[in-house]
Amino acid sequence: MKHDKFVGDGEGTHGNGTKSGKLDYILMSPELAKKAKLGGIERRGVWGGKNGDLFPHIPEIKTAKDAASDHAALWVDIDI
């Protein structure tokens, strides 16, 4: 989330995406970080909030039990 190519919609990746939920990381060497083109958080598989309305999610997720995880996925596009 500190990389200049990162596009985020919050501070954390766990639960409701709060700062205290910053639990997931992508670690890169300085050389690899230079090759990063874009990065972000994929939240569509997470049930956010009591009613699941904090984040857009895929239509198949109807309840918290349907969620892929309680951790949003971090991703990075690297030009290698």
Protein backbone atom coordinates (compact mmCIF):
# COMPACT_ATOMS: atom_id res chain seq x y z
CA MET A 1 0.00 0.00 0.00
CA LYS A 2 3.06 2.20 0.19
CA HIS A 3 4.17 1.61 -3.39
CA ASP A 4 3.46 4.56 -5.68
CA LYS A 5 1.68 2.25 -8.20
CA PHE A 6 -0.74 0.88 -5.59
CA VAL A 7 -4.40 1.83 -6.01
CA GLY A 8 -6.33 1.17 -2.82
CA ASP A 9 -9.78 1.70 -1.39
CA GLY A 10 -8.93 1.41 2.29
CA GLU A 11 -6.19 0.65 4.72
CA GLY A 12 -6.65 -2.98 5.68
CA THR A 13 -7.21 -6.32 4.03
CA HIS A 14 -8.91 -8.26 6.83
CA GLY A 15 -12.55 -8.01 7.87
CA ASN A 16 -13.94 -4.53 7.28
CA GLY A 17 -10.73 -3.10 5.80
CA THR A 18 -9.76 -0.88 8.72
CA LYS A 19 -6.20 0.12 9.58
CA SER A 20 -6.08 -2.48 12.37
CA GLY A 21 -6.97 -5.11 9.74
CA LYS A 22 -3.78 -4.57 7.74
CA LEU A 23 -2.63 -8.18 7.93
CA ASP A 24 -1.70 -9.16 4.38
CA TYR A 25 1.36 -8.03 2.46
CA ILE A 26 3.22 -8.50 -0.80
CA LEU A 27 6.93 -8.28 -0.15
CA MET A 28 9.21 -7.33 -3.04
CA SER A 29 12.91 -6.71 -3.39
CA PRO A 30 13.84 -3.16 -4.49
CA GLU A 31 14.60 -4.46 -8.00
CA LEU A 32 11.22 -6.19 -8.29
CA ALA A 33 9.38 -3.17 -6.85
CA LYS A 34 10.81 -1.05 -9.68
CA LYS A 35 9.08 -3.38 -12.16
CA ALA A 36 5.65 -3.12 -10.53
CA LYS A 37 3.18 -1.54 -12.96
CA LEU A 38 0.06 -1.53 -10.76
CA GLY A 39 -1.26 -3.07 -7.56
CA GLY A 40 -4.45 -3.13 -5.54
CA ILE A 41 -6.96 -4.93 -3.35
CA GLU A 42 -9.58 -7.37 -4.65
CA ARG A 43 -12.52 -7.27 -2.24
CA ARG A 44 -15.31 -8.85 -4.31
CA GLY A 45 -14.90 -12.19 -2.50
CA VAL A 46 -15.23 -10.62 0.98
CA TRP A 47 -18.40 -10.01 2.99
CA GLY A 48 -17.74 -6.55 4.46
CA GLY A 49 -19.76 -5.23 7.37
CA LYS A 50 -22.71 -6.67 9.24
CA ASN A 51 -24.94 -6.66 6.15
CA GLY A 52 -22.24 -7.22 3.53
CA ASP A 53 -22.62 -3.72 2.14
CA LEU A 54 -19.16 -2.23 2.76
CA PHE A 55 -17.74 -3.53 -0.52
CA PRO A 56 -19.23 -4.64 -3.81
CA HIS A 57 -19.11 -8.43 -4.02
CA ILE A 58 -19.83 -11.08 -6.62
CA PRO A 59 -23.55 -11.89 -6.93
CA GLU A 60 -23.15 -15.45 -5.67
CA ILE A 61 -22.19 -14.13 -2.22
CA LYS A 62 -25.51 -13.79 -0.38
CA THR A 63 -24.28 -14.13 3.23
CA ALA A 64 -20.99 -14.05 5.15
CA LYS A 65 -20.87 -17.87 4.90
CA ASP A 66 -20.64 -17.58 1.10
CA ALA A 67 -17.56 -15.35 1.16
CA ALA A 68 -14.31 -16.70 -0.24
CA SER A 69 -12.41 -15.42 2.80
CA ASP A 70 -12.40 -12.75 5.47
CA HIS A 71 -9.17 -11.46 3.89
CA ALA A 72 -9.23 -9.42 0.70
CA ALA A 73 -6.65 -10.41 -1.89
CA LEU A 74 -3.72 -8.16 -2.67
CA TRP A 75 -2.44 -8.21 -6.23
CA VAL A 76 0.42 -6.71 -8.18
CA ASP A 77 1.12 -6.56 -11.92
CA ILE A 78 4.86 -6.88 -12.49
CA ASP A 79 6.60 -6.34 -15.81
CA ILE A 80 9.03 -9.24 -15.92
